[in-house]
Amino acid sequence: MAVPAIPQRLTAPAPGWTIDADVVVVGSGVAGLTLALRYAGLDPAAKVLVVTKDVLSSGSTRWAQGGIAAVLDPRDTSLWAAGSAACPALSPAPPYACERAPSGCRPVVVQK
């Protein structure tokens, strides 16, 4: 049986649209949106394009283990305590994550 030749170029239809951008972010999950927002904050004049498979809210982050888990209220110590109890060897990690969660999550979390 003969092995089919590998094409030199993949065929695809001509693009239906074109756009200029300084930065193209592929994916609308929490990582992609965080990058897009952070870049736009650093360079407000930049054209930032987010490319996703559907609408922005169709990213997979919300399906990944419940989405984002973070302590946003300084009075809530449950995640800190649970993380420290679960793995005492990593006890510096929960405080580190808890202290930085609000500033890291607020730009990408939509309050309902």
PDB file of N, CA and C in Angstrom:
ATOM      1  N   MET A   1       0.836  -1.162   0.000  1.00  0.00           N
ATOM      2  CA  MET A   1       0.000   0.000   0.000  1.00  0.00           C
ATOM      3  C   MET A   1       0.892   1.239   0.000  1.00  0.00           C
ATOM      4  N   ALA A   2       0.643   2.143  -0.890  1.00  0.00           N
ATOM      5  CA  ALA A   2       1.445   3.356  -1.016  1.00  0.00           C
ATOM      6  C   ALA A   2       1.041   4.387   0.029  1.00  0.00           C
ATOM      7  N   VAL A   3       2.043   5.051   0.548  1.00  0.00           N
ATOM      8  CA  VAL A   3       1.792   6.120   1.517  1.00  0.00           C
ATOM      9  C   VAL A   3       1.467   7.387   0.740  1.00  0.00           C
ATOM     10  N   PRO A   4       0.359   8.065   1.084  1.00  0.00           N
ATOM     11  CA  PRO A   4       0.028   9.288   0.338  1.00  0.00           C
ATOM     12  C   PRO A   4       1.070  10.382   0.582  1.00  0.00           C
ATOM     13  N   ALA A   5       1.275  11.173  -0.417  1.00  0.00           N
ATOM     14  CA  ALA A   5       2.236  12.281  -0.309  1.00  0.00           C
ATOM     15  C   ALA A   5       1.725  13.328   0.672  1.00  0.00           C
ATOM     16  N   ILE A   6       2.642  13.891   1.427  1.00  0.00           N
ATOM     17  CA  ILE A   6       2.280  14.966   2.349  1.00  0.00           C
ATOM     18  C   ILE A   6       2.236  16.256   1.542  1.00  0.00           C
ATOM     19  N   PRO A   7       1.134  16.976   1.625  1.00  0.00           N
ATOM     20  CA  PRO A   7       1.053  18.214   0.840  1.00  0.00           C
ATOM     21  C   PRO A   7       2.085  19.231   1.322  1.00  0.00           C
ATOM     22  N   GLN A   8       2.594  20.003   0.407  1.00  0.00           N
ATOM     23  CA  GLN A   8       3.564  21.039   0.737  1.00  0.00           C
ATOM     24  C   GLN A   8       2.912  22.198   1.479  1.00  0.00           C
ATOM     25  N   ARG A   9       1.619  22.342   1.293  1.00  0.00           N
ATOM     26  CA  ARG A   9       0.896  23.454   1.897  1.00  0.00           C
ATOM     27  C   ARG A   9      -0.512  22.992   2.225  1.00  0.00           C
ATOM     28  N   LEU A  10      -1.000  23.364   3.391  1.00  0.00           N
ATOM     29  CA  LEU A  10      -2.374  23.030   3.733  1.00  0.00           C
ATOM     30  C   LEU A  10      -3.315  23.961   2.989  1.00  0.00           C
ATOM     31  N   THR A  11      -4.399  23.404   2.513  1.00  0.00           N
ATOM     32  CA  THR A  11      -5.358  24.247   1.809  1.00  0.00           C
ATOM     33  C   THR A  11      -6.368  24.800   2.799  1.00  0.00           C
ATOM     34  N   ALA A  12      -6.707  26.025   2.590  1.00  0.00           N
ATOM     35  CA  ALA A  12      -7.699  26.684   3.430  1.00  0.00           C
ATOM     36  C   ALA A  12      -8.370  27.762   2.603  1.00  0.00           C
ATOM     37  N   PRO A  13      -9.600  28.071   2.961  1.00  0.00           N
ATOM     38  CA  PRO A  13     -10.253  29.146   2.205  1.00  0.00           C
ATOM     39  C   PRO A  13      -9.578  30.484   2.489  1.00  0.00           C
ATOM     40  N   ALA A  14      -9.780  31.403   1.593  1.00  0.00           N
ATOM     41  CA  ALA A  14      -9.239  32.756   1.801  1.00  0.00           C
ATOM     42  C   ALA A  14      -9.863  33.340   3.062  1.00  0.00           C
ATOM     43  N   PRO A  15      -9.099  34.158   3.807  1.00  0.00           N
ATOM     44  CA  PRO A  15      -9.675  34.739   5.025  1.00  0.00           C
ATOM     45  C   PRO A  15     -10.890  35.598   4.703  1.00  0.00           C
ATOM     46  N   GLY A  16     -11.876  35.539   5.588  1.00  0.00           N
ATOM     47  CA  GLY A  16     -13.089  36.321   5.389  1.00  0.00           C
ATOM     48  C   GLY A  16     -12.949  37.746   5.872  1.00  0.00           C
ATOM     49  N   TRP A  17     -11.899  38.029   6.628  1.00  0.00           N
ATOM     50  CA  TRP A  17     -11.675  39.366   7.134  1.00  0.00           C
ATOM     51  C   TRP A  17     -10.199  39.527   7.467  1.00  0.00           C
ATOM     52  N   THR A  18      -9.758  40.740   7.558  1.00  0.00           N
ATOM     53  CA  THR A  18      -8.393  41.035   7.984  1.00  0.00           C
ATOM     54  C   THR A  18      -8.454  42.170   8.996  1.00  0.00           C
ATOM     55  N   ILE A  19      -7.463  42.207   9.858  1.00  0.00           N
ATOM     56  CA  ILE A  19      -7.393  43.255  10.876  1.00  0.00           C
ATOM     57  C   ILE A  19      -5.936  43.437  11.279  1.00  0.00           C
ATOM     58  N   ASP A  20      -5.570  44.649  11.616  1.00  0.00           N
ATOM     59  CA  ASP A  20      -4.233  44.930  12.119  1.00  0.00           C
ATOM     60  C   ASP A  20      -4.266  44.913  13.642  1.00  0.00           C
ATOM     61  N   ALA A  21      -3.222  44.359  14.238  1.00  0.00           N
ATOM     62  CA  ALA A  21      -3.125  44.330  15.693  1.00  0.00           C
ATOM     63  C   ALA A  21      -1.666  44.362  16.098  1.00  0.00           C
ATOM     64  N   ASP A  22      -1.403  44.943  17.249  1.00  0.00           N
ATOM     65  CA  ASP A  22      -0.057  44.935  17.808  1.00  0.00           C
ATOM     66  C   ASP A  22       0.210  43.622  18.537  1.00  0.00           C
ATOM     67  N   VAL A  23      -0.828  43.089  19.180  1.00  0.00           N
ATOM     68  CA  VAL A  23      -0.722  41.847  19.939  1.00  0.00           C
ATOM     69  C   VAL A  23      -1.947  41.000  19.628  1.00  0.00           C
ATOM     70  N   VAL A  24      -1.716  39.721  19.360  1.00  0.00           N
ATOM     71  CA  VAL A  24      -2.816  38.779  19.158  1.00  0.00           C
ATOM     72  C   VAL A  24      -2.745  37.747  20.276  1.00  0.00           C
ATOM     73  N   VAL A  25      -3.831  37.642  21.039  1.00  0.00           N
ATOM     74  CA  VAL A  25      -3.927  36.678  22.124  1.00  0.00           C
ATOM     75  C   VAL A  25      -4.870  35.584  21.660  1.00  0.00           C
ATOM     76  N   VAL A  26      -4.399  34.350  21.690  1.00  0.00           N
ATOM     77  CA  VAL A  26      -5.228  33.224  21.266  1.00  0.00           C
ATOM     78  C   VAL A  26      -5.810  32.572  22.512  1.00  0.00           C
ATOM     79  N   GLY A  27      -7.130  32.650  22.638  1.00  0.00           N
ATOM     80  CA  GLY A  27      -7.831  32.037  23.760  1.00  0.00           C
ATOM     81  C   GLY A  27      -8.455  33.065  24.682  1.00  0.00           C
ATOM     82  N   SER A  28      -9.677  32.773  25.107  1.00  0.00           N
ATOM     83  CA  SER A  28     -10.405  33.704  25.974  1.00  0.00           C
ATOM     84  C   SER A  28     -10.585  33.146  27.381  1.00  0.00           C
ATOM     85  N   GLY A  29      -9.698  32.236  27.773  1.00  0.00           N
ATOM     86  CA  GLY A  29      -9.719  31.755  29.147  1.00  0.00           C
ATOM     87  C   GLY A  29      -9.089  32.799  30.057  1.00  0.00           C
ATOM     88  N   VAL A  30      -8.960  32.455  31.317  1.00  0.00           N
ATOM     89  CA  VAL A  30      -8.445  33.427  32.279  1.00  0.00           C
ATOM     90  C   VAL A  30      -7.023  33.870  31.922  1.00  0.00           C
ATOM     91  N   ALA A  31      -6.204  32.980  31.402  1.00  0.00           N
ATOM     92  CA  ALA A  31      -4.832  33.363  31.044  1.00  0.00           C
ATOM     93  C   ALA A  31      -4.828  34.339  29.868  1.00  0.00           C
ATOM     94  N   GLY A  32      -5.597  34.038  28.833  1.00  0.00           N
ATOM     95  CA  GLY A  32      -5.644  34.913  27.666  1.00  0.00           C
ATOM     96  C   GLY A  32      -6.209  36.281  27.979  1.00  0.00           C
ATOM     97  N   LEU A  33      -7.317  36.314  28.724  1.00  0.00           N
ATOM     98  CA  LEU A  33      -7.917  37.601  29.063  1.00  0.00           C
ATOM     99  C   LEU A  33      -7.031  38.409  30.009  1.00  0.00           C
ATOM    100  N   THR A  34      -6.368  37.732  30.936  1.00  0.00           N
ATOM    101  CA  THR A  34      -5.446  38.429  31.829  1.00  0.00           C
ATOM    102  C   THR A  34      -4.318  39.065  31.037  1.00  0.00           C
ATOM    103  N   LEU A  35      -3.761  38.307  30.101  1.00  0.00           N
ATOM    104  CA  LEU A  35      -2.685  38.845  29.273  1.00  0.00           C
ATOM    105  C   LEU A  35      -3.176  40.040  28.458  1.00  0.00           C
ATOM    106  N   ALA A  36      -4.345  39.924  27.838  1.00  0.00           N
ATOM    107  CA  ALA A  36      -4.875  41.016  27.024  1.00  0.00           C
ATOM    108  C   ALA A  36      -5.103  42.270  27.861  1.00  0.00           C
ATOM    109  N   LEU A  37      -5.695  42.107  29.038  1.00  0.00           N
ATOM    110  CA  LEU A  37      -5.950  43.260  29.900  1.00  0.00           C
ATOM    111  C   LEU A  37      -4.654  43.878  30.417  1.00  0.00           C
ATOM    112  N   ARG A  38      -3.707  43.031  30.784  1.00  0.00           N
ATOM    113  CA  ARG A  38      -2.442  43.548  31.313  1.00  0.00           C
ATOM    114  C   ARG A  38      -1.679  44.304  30.222  1.00  0.00           C
ATOM    115  N   TYR A  39      -1.654  43.752  29.011  1.00  0.00           N
ATOM    116  CA  TYR A  39      -0.945  44.431  27.926  1.00  0.00           C
ATOM    117  C   TYR A  39      -1.613  45.766  27.607  1.00  0.00           C
ATOM    118  N   ALA A  40      -2.943  45.754  27.552  1.00  0.00           N
ATOM    119  CA  ALA A  40      -3.670  46.994  27.273  1.00  0.00           C
ATOM    120  C   ALA A  40      -3.408  48.034  28.360  1.00  0.00           C
ATOM    121  N   GLY A  41      -3.241  47.589  29.594  1.00  0.00           N
ATOM    122  CA  GLY A  41      -2.918  48.511  30.683  1.00  0.00           C
ATOM    123  C   GLY A  41      -1.526  49.086  30.566  1.00  0.00           C
ATOM    124  N   LEU A  42      -0.586  48.276  30.064  1.00  0.00           N
ATOM    125  CA  LEU A  42       0.790  48.741  29.910  1.00  0.00           C
ATOM    126  C   LEU A  42       0.953  49.660  28.717  1.00  0.00           C
ATOM    127  N   ASP A  43       0.177  49.405  27.663  1.00  0.00           N
ATOM    128  CA  ASP A  43       0.271  50.209  26.446  1.00  0.00           C
ATOM    129  C   ASP A  43      -1.138  50.514  25.948  1.00  0.00           C
ATOM    130  N   PRO A  44      -1.781  51.544  26.510  1.00  0.00           N
ATOM    131  CA  PRO A  44      -3.167  51.849  26.154  1.00  0.00           C
ATOM    132  C   PRO A  44      -3.393  52.146  24.677  1.00  0.00           C
ATOM    133  N   ALA A  45      -2.362  52.540  23.967  1.00  0.00           N
ATOM    134  CA  ALA A  45      -2.511  52.829  22.542  1.00  0.00           C
ATOM    135  C   ALA A  45      -2.433  51.573  21.683  1.00  0.00           C
ATOM    136  N   ALA A  46      -2.043  50.460  22.270  1.00  0.00           N
ATOM    137  CA  ALA A  46      -1.877  49.220  21.504  1.00  0.00           C
ATOM    138  C   ALA A  46      -3.226  48.645  21.078  1.00  0.00           C
ATOM    139  N   LYS A  47      -3.212  48.017  19.923  1.00  0.00           N
ATOM    140  CA  LYS A  47      -4.390  47.289  19.437  1.00  0.00           C
ATOM    141  C   LYS A  47      -4.222  45.835  19.857  1.00  0.00           C
ATOM    142  N   VAL A  48      -5.031  45.404  20.810  1.00  0.00           N
ATOM    143  CA  VAL A  48      -4.956  44.039  21.334  1.00  0.00           C
ATOM    144  C   VAL A  48      -6.143  43.257  20.784  1.00  0.00           C
ATOM    145  N   LEU A  49      -5.864  42.154  20.126  1.00  0.00           N
ATOM    146  CA  LEU A  49      -6.906  41.314  19.530  1.00  0.00           C
ATOM    147  C   LEU A  49      -6.957  39.982  20.265  1.00  0.00           C
ATOM    148  N   VAL A  50      -8.135  39.602  20.771  1.00  0.00           N
ATOM    149  CA  VAL A  50      -8.328  38.299  21.400  1.00  0.00           C
ATOM    150  C   VAL A  50      -9.069  37.427  20.398  1.00  0.00           C
ATOM    151  N   VAL A  51      -8.457  36.304  20.040  1.00  0.00           N
ATOM    152  CA  VAL A  51      -9.057  35.368  19.098  1.00  0.00           C
ATOM    153  C   VAL A  51      -9.530  34.153  19.886  1.00  0.00           C
ATOM    154  N   THR A  52     -10.779  33.794  19.700  1.00  0.00           N
ATOM    155  CA  THR A  52     -11.339  32.664  20.433  1.00  0.00           C
ATOM    156  C   THR A  52     -12.211  31.831  19.507  1.00  0.00           C
ATOM    157  N   LYS A  53     -12.543  30.628  19.936  1.00  0.00           N
ATOM    158  CA  LYS A  53     -13.297  29.717  19.084  1.00  0.00           C
ATOM    159  C   LYS A  53     -14.756  30.110  18.920  1.00  0.00           C
ATOM    160  N   ASP A  54     -15.251  30.946  19.806  1.00  0.00           N
ATOM    161  CA  ASP A  54     -16.666  31.318  19.770  1.00  0.00           C
ATOM    162  C   ASP A  54     -16.786  32.722  20.356  1.00  0.00           C
ATOM    163  N   VAL A  55     -17.616  32.907  21.358  1.00  0.00           N
ATOM    164  CA  VAL A  55     -17.723  34.199  22.033  1.00  0.00           C
ATOM    165  C   VAL A  55     -16.752  34.207  23.212  1.00  0.00           C
ATOM    166  N   LEU A  56     -16.437  35.380  23.746  1.00  0.00           N
ATOM    167  CA  LEU A  56     -15.441  35.481  24.818  1.00  0.00           C
ATOM    168  C   LEU A  56     -15.760  34.587  26.004  1.00  0.00           C
ATOM    169  N   SER A  57     -17.020  34.443  26.345  1.00  0.00           N
ATOM    170  CA  SER A  57     -17.372  33.643  27.520  1.00  0.00           C
ATOM    171  C   SER A  57     -17.330  32.144  27.264  1.00  0.00           C
ATOM    172  N   SER A  58     -16.928  31.720  26.070  1.00  0.00           N
ATOM    173  CA  SER A  58     -16.897  30.280  25.777  1.00  0.00           C
ATOM    174  C   SER A  58     -15.566  29.624  26.142  1.00  0.00           C
ATOM    175  N   GLY A  59     -14.693  30.354  26.805  1.00  0.00           N
ATOM    176  CA  GLY A  59     -13.425  29.770  27.239  1.00  0.00           C
ATOM    177  C   GLY A  59     -13.649  28.606  28.199  1.00  0.00           C
ATOM    178  N   SER A  60     -12.645  27.789  28.381  1.00  0.00           N
ATOM    179  CA  SER A  60     -12.777  26.582  29.207  1.00  0.00           C
ATOM    180  C   SER A  60     -12.476  26.809  30.680  1.00  0.00           C
ATOM    181  N   THR A  61     -11.992  27.978  31.048  1.00  0.00           N
ATOM    182  CA  THR A  61     -11.593  28.216  32.432  1.00  0.00           C
ATOM    183  C   THR A  61     -12.731  27.934  33.407  1.00  0.00           C
ATOM    184  N   ARG A  62     -13.939  28.345  33.081  1.00  0.00           N
ATOM    185  CA  ARG A  62     -15.031  28.148  34.040  1.00  0.00           C
ATOM    186  C   ARG A  62     -15.372  26.684  34.241  1.00  0.00           C
ATOM    187  N   TRP A  63     -14.956  25.821  33.320  1.00  0.00           N
ATOM    188  CA  TRP A  63     -15.224  24.386  33.461  1.00  0.00           C
ATOM    189  C   TRP A  63     -14.080  23.674  34.166  1.00  0.00           C
ATOM    190  N   ALA A  64     -12.948  24.323  34.309  1.00  0.00           N
ATOM    191  CA  ALA A  64     -11.768  23.692  34.900  1.00  0.00           C
ATOM    192  C   ALA A  64     -11.849  23.754  36.420  1.00  0.00           C
ATOM    193  N   GLN A  65     -12.248  22.695  37.032  1.00  0.00           N
ATOM    194  CA  GLN A  65     -12.326  22.583  38.485  1.00  0.00           C
ATOM    195  C   GLN A  65     -13.064  23.757  39.113  1.00  0.00           C
ATOM    196  N   GLY A  66     -14.149  24.158  38.481  1.00  0.00           N
ATOM    197  CA  GLY A  66     -14.983  25.197  39.077  1.00  0.00           C
ATOM    198  C   GLY A  66     -14.560  26.614  38.775  1.00  0.00           C
ATOM    199  N   GLY A  67     -13.564  26.813  37.953  1.00  0.00           N
ATOM    200  CA  GLY A  67     -13.150  28.161  37.595  1.00  0.00           C
ATOM    201  C   GLY A  67     -12.044  28.668  38.488  1.00  0.00           C
ATOM    202  N   ILE A  68     -12.180  29.885  38.959  1.00  0.00           N
ATOM    203  CA  ILE A  68     -11.145  30.511  39.784  1.00  0.00           C
ATOM    204  C   ILE A  68     -11.569  30.409  41.243  1.00  0.00           C
ATOM    205  N   ALA A  69     -10.706  29.886  42.074  1.00  0.00           N
ATOM    206  CA  ALA A  69     -10.962  29.861  43.513  1.00  0.00           C
ATOM    207  C   ALA A  69      -9.973  30.809  44.174  1.00  0.00           C
ATOM    208  N   ALA A  70     -10.492  31.831  44.813  1.00  0.00           N
ATOM    209  CA  ALA A  70      -9.603  32.804  45.439  1.00  0.00           C
ATOM    210  C   ALA A  70     -10.303  33.450  46.619  1.00  0.00           C
ATOM    211  N   VAL A  71      -9.531  33.849  47.589  1.00  0.00           N
ATOM    212  CA  VAL A  71     -10.045  34.585  48.733  1.00  0.00           C
ATOM    213  C   VAL A  71     -10.001  36.063  48.359  1.00  0.00           C
ATOM    214  N   LEU A  72     -11.164  36.681  48.236  1.00  0.00           N
ATOM    215  CA  LEU A  72     -11.217  38.096  47.885  1.00  0.00           C
ATOM    216  C   LEU A  72     -11.526  38.976  49.089  1.00  0.00           C
ATOM    217  N   ASP A  73     -12.060  38.384  50.133  1.00  0.00           N
ATOM    218  CA  ASP A  73     -12.377  39.134  51.350  1.00  0.00           C
ATOM    219  C   ASP A  73     -11.293  38.858  52.384  1.00  0.00           C
ATOM    220  N   PRO A  74     -10.601  39.873  52.878  1.00  0.00           N
ATOM    221  CA  PRO A  74      -9.501  39.648  53.822  1.00  0.00           C
ATOM    222  C   PRO A  74      -9.933  38.945  55.114  1.00  0.00           C
ATOM    223  N   ARG A  75     -11.228  38.983  55.432  1.00  0.00           N
ATOM    224  CA  ARG A  75     -11.707  38.319  56.644  1.00  0.00           C
ATOM    225  C   ARG A  75     -11.879  36.814  56.452  1.00  0.00           C
ATOM    226  N   ASP A  76     -11.828  36.341  55.204  1.00  0.00           N
ATOM    227  CA  ASP A  76     -12.009  34.918  54.915  1.00  0.00           C
ATOM    228  C   ASP A  76     -10.655  34.222  54.969  1.00  0.00           C
ATOM    229  N   THR A  77     -10.477  33.352  55.933  1.00  0.00           N
ATOM    230  CA  THR A  77      -9.204  32.646  56.085  1.00  0.00           C
ATOM    231  C   THR A  77      -9.340  31.160  55.779  1.00  0.00           C
ATOM    232  N   SER A  78     -10.499  30.733  55.221  1.00  0.00           N
ATOM    233  CA  SER A  78     -10.742  29.302  55.017  1.00  0.00           C
ATOM    234  C   SER A  78      -9.777  28.685  54.014  1.00  0.00           C
ATOM    235  N   LEU A  79      -9.531  29.352  52.893  1.00  0.00           N
ATOM    236  CA  LEU A  79      -8.620  28.789  51.885  1.00  0.00           C
ATOM    237  C   LEU A  79      -7.199  28.739  52.429  1.00  0.00           C
ATOM    238  N   TRP A  80      -6.805  29.769  53.132  1.00  0.00           N
ATOM    239  CA  TRP A  80      -5.480  29.836  53.745  1.00  0.00           C
ATOM    240  C   TRP A  80      -5.299  28.670  54.708  1.00  0.00           C
ATOM    241  N   ALA A  81      -6.272  28.475  55.587  1.00  0.00           N
ATOM    242  CA  ALA A  81      -6.188  27.399  56.579  1.00  0.00           C
ATOM    243  C   ALA A  81      -6.223  26.027  55.906  1.00  0.00           C
ATOM    244  N   ALA A  82      -7.104  25.855  54.919  1.00  0.00           N
ATOM    245  CA  ALA A  82      -7.212  24.566  54.235  1.00  0.00           C
ATOM    246  C   ALA A  82      -5.921  24.245  53.497  1.00  0.00           C
ATOM    247  N   GLY A  83      -5.354  25.228  52.826  1.00  0.00           N
ATOM    248  CA  GLY A  83      -4.113  24.994  52.094  1.00  0.00           C
ATOM    249  C   GLY A  83      -2.961  24.659  53.013  1.00  0.00           C
ATOM    250  N   SER A  84      -2.867  25.337  54.122  1.00  0.00           N
ATOM    251  CA  SER A  84      -1.787  25.076  55.075  1.00  0.00           C
ATOM    252  C   SER A  84      -1.937  23.704  55.719  1.00  0.00           C
ATOM    253  N   ALA A  85      -3.188  23.316  56.030  1.00  0.00           N
ATOM    254  CA  ALA A  85      -3.428  22.012  56.664  1.00  0.00           C
ATOM    255  C   ALA A  85      -3.205  20.870  55.682  1.00  0.00           C
ATOM    256  N   ALA A  86      -3.556  21.099  54.416  1.00  0.00           N
ATOM    257  CA  ALA A  86      -3.440  20.028  53.417  1.00  0.00           C
ATOM    258  C   ALA A  86      -1.986  19.669  53.149  1.00  0.00           C
ATOM    259  N   CYS A  87      -1.119  20.644  53.194  1.00  0.00           N
ATOM    260  CA  CYS A  87       0.284  20.375  52.888  1.00  0.00           C
ATOM    261  C   CYS A  87       1.178  21.294  53.714  1.00  0.00           C
ATOM    262  N   PRO A  88       1.503  20.885  54.935  1.00  0.00           N
ATOM    263  CA  PRO A  88       2.322  21.749  55.805  1.00  0.00           C
ATOM    264  C   PRO A  88       3.658  22.151  55.188  1.00  0.00           C
ATOM    265  N   ALA A  89       4.222  21.301  54.342  1.00  0.00           N
ATOM    266  CA  ALA A  89       5.514  21.632  53.728  1.00  0.00           C
ATOM    267  C   ALA A  89       5.404  22.849  52.816  1.00  0.00           C
ATOM    268  N   LEU A  90       4.206  23.099  52.310  1.00  0.00           N
ATOM    269  CA  LEU A  90       4.011  24.243  51.420  1.00  0.00           C
ATOM    270  C   LEU A  90       3.314  25.393  52.131  1.00  0.00           C
ATOM    271  N   SER A  91       3.454  25.474  53.434  1.00  0.00           N
ATOM    272  CA  SER A  91       2.713  26.477  54.210  1.00  0.00           C
ATOM    273  C   SER A  91       2.930  27.916  53.754  1.00  0.00           C
ATOM    274  N   PRO A  92       4.068  28.288  53.138  1.00  0.00           N
ATOM    275  CA  PRO A  92       4.161  29.675  52.646  1.00  0.00           C
ATOM    276  C   PRO A  92       3.268  29.933  51.429  1.00  0.00           C
ATOM    277  N   ALA A  93       2.905  28.886  50.688  1.00  0.00           N
ATOM    278  CA  ALA A  93       2.138  29.086  49.454  1.00  0.00           C
ATOM    279  C   ALA A  93       0.741  29.652  49.680  1.00  0.00           C
ATOM    280  N   PRO A  94      -0.065  29.113  50.612  1.00  0.00           N
ATOM    281  CA  PRO A  94      -1.416  29.691  50.780  1.00  0.00           C
ATOM    282  C   PRO A  94      -1.410  31.164  51.140  1.00  0.00           C
ATOM    283  N   PRO A  95      -0.588  31.623  52.105  1.00  0.00           N
ATOM    284  CA  PRO A  95      -0.590  33.065  52.382  1.00  0.00           C
ATOM    285  C   PRO A  95      -0.183  33.880  51.158  1.00  0.00           C
ATOM    286  N   TYR A  96       0.799  33.398  50.431  1.00  0.00           N
ATOM    287  CA  TYR A  96       1.268  34.101  49.227  1.00  0.00           C
ATOM    288  C   TYR A  96       0.123  34.243  48.228  1.00  0.00           C
ATOM    289  N   ALA A  97      -0.575  33.126  47.975  1.00  0.00           N
ATOM    290  CA  ALA A  97      -1.683  33.142  47.015  1.00  0.00           C
ATOM    291  C   ALA A  97      -2.835  33.996  47.517  1.00  0.00           C
ATOM    292  N   CYS A  98      -3.156  33.879  48.807  1.00  0.00           N
ATOM    293  CA  CYS A  98      -4.280  34.633  49.360  1.00  0.00           C
ATOM    294  C   CYS A  98      -4.021  36.135  49.343  1.00  0.00           C
ATOM    295  N   GLU A  99      -2.796  36.539  49.615  1.00  0.00           N
ATOM    296  CA  GLU A  99      -2.479  37.966  49.634  1.00  0.00           C
ATOM    297  C   GLU A  99      -2.540  38.570  48.241  1.00  0.00           C
ATOM    298  N   ARG A 100      -2.262  37.781  47.224  1.00  0.00           N
ATOM    299  CA  ARG A 100      -2.217  38.309  45.863  1.00  0.00           C
ATOM    300  C   ARG A 100      -3.486  38.037  45.059  1.00  0.00           C
ATOM    301  N   ALA A 101      -4.392  37.235  45.566  1.00  0.00           N
ATOM    302  CA  ALA A 101      -5.602  36.865  44.831  1.00  0.00           C
ATOM    303  C   ALA A 101      -6.459  38.060  44.431  1.00  0.00           C
ATOM    304  N   PRO A 102      -6.751  38.988  45.328  1.00  0.00           N
ATOM    305  CA  PRO A 102      -7.632  40.090  44.925  1.00  0.00           C
ATOM    306  C   PRO A 102      -7.115  40.889  43.736  1.00  0.00           C
ATOM    307  N   SER A 103      -5.850  41.278  43.773  1.00  0.00           N
ATOM    308  CA  SER A 103      -5.326  42.085  42.663  1.00  0.00           C
ATOM    309  C   SER A 103      -5.205  41.274  41.384  1.00  0.00           C
ATOM    310  N   GLY A 104      -5.039  39.965  41.499  1.00  0.00           N
ATOM    311  CA  GLY A 104      -4.930  39.127  40.312  1.00  0.00           C
ATOM    312  C   GLY A 104      -6.262  38.758  39.695  1.00  0.00           C
ATOM    313  N   CYS A 105      -7.290  38.634  40.516  1.00  0.00           N
ATOM    314  CA  CYS A 105      -8.591  38.166  40.029  1.00  0.00           C
ATOM    315  C   CYS A 105      -9.554  39.276  39.641  1.00  0.00           C
ATOM    316  N   ARG A 106      -9.527  40.377  40.351  1.00  0.00           N
ATOM    317  CA  ARG A 106     -10.536  41.422  40.108  1.00  0.00           C
ATOM    318  C   ARG A 106     -10.600  41.895  38.659  1.00  0.00           C
ATOM    319  N   PRO A 107      -9.496  42.017  37.936  1.00  0.00           N
ATOM    320  CA  PRO A 107      -9.608  42.482  36.550  1.00  0.00           C
ATOM    321  C   PRO A 107     -10.354  41.529  35.620  1.00  0.00           C
ATOM    322  N   VAL A 108     -10.426  40.254  35.957  1.00  0.00           N
ATOM    323  CA  VAL A 108     -11.053  39.296  35.036  1.00  0.00           C
ATOM    324  C   VAL A 108     -12.325  38.663  35.571  1.00  0.00           C
ATOM    325  N   VAL A 109     -12.713  38.974  36.803  1.00  0.00           N
ATOM    326  CA  VAL A 109     -13.905  38.376  37.387  1.00  0.00           C
ATOM    327  C   VAL A 109     -15.068  39.340  37.212  1.00  0.00           C
ATOM    328  N   VAL A 110     -16.162  38.835  36.671  1.00  0.00           N
ATOM    329  CA  VAL A 110     -17.371  39.632  36.493  1.00  0.00           C
ATOM    330  C   VAL A 110     -18.300  39.347  37.663  1.00  0.00           C
ATOM    331  N   GLN A 111     -18.652  40.370  38.401  1.00  0.00           N
ATOM    332  CA  GLN A 111     -19.563  40.219  39.525  1.00  0.00           C
ATOM    333  C   GLN A 111     -20.993  40.214  39.009  1.00  0.00           C
ATOM    334  N   LYS A 112     -21.795  39.282  39.523  1.00  0.00           N
ATOM    335  CA  LYS A 112     -23.200  39.220  39.089  1.00  0.00           C
ATOM    336  C   LYS A 112     -24.100  39.799  40.144  1.00  0.00           C
TER     337      LYS A 112
END
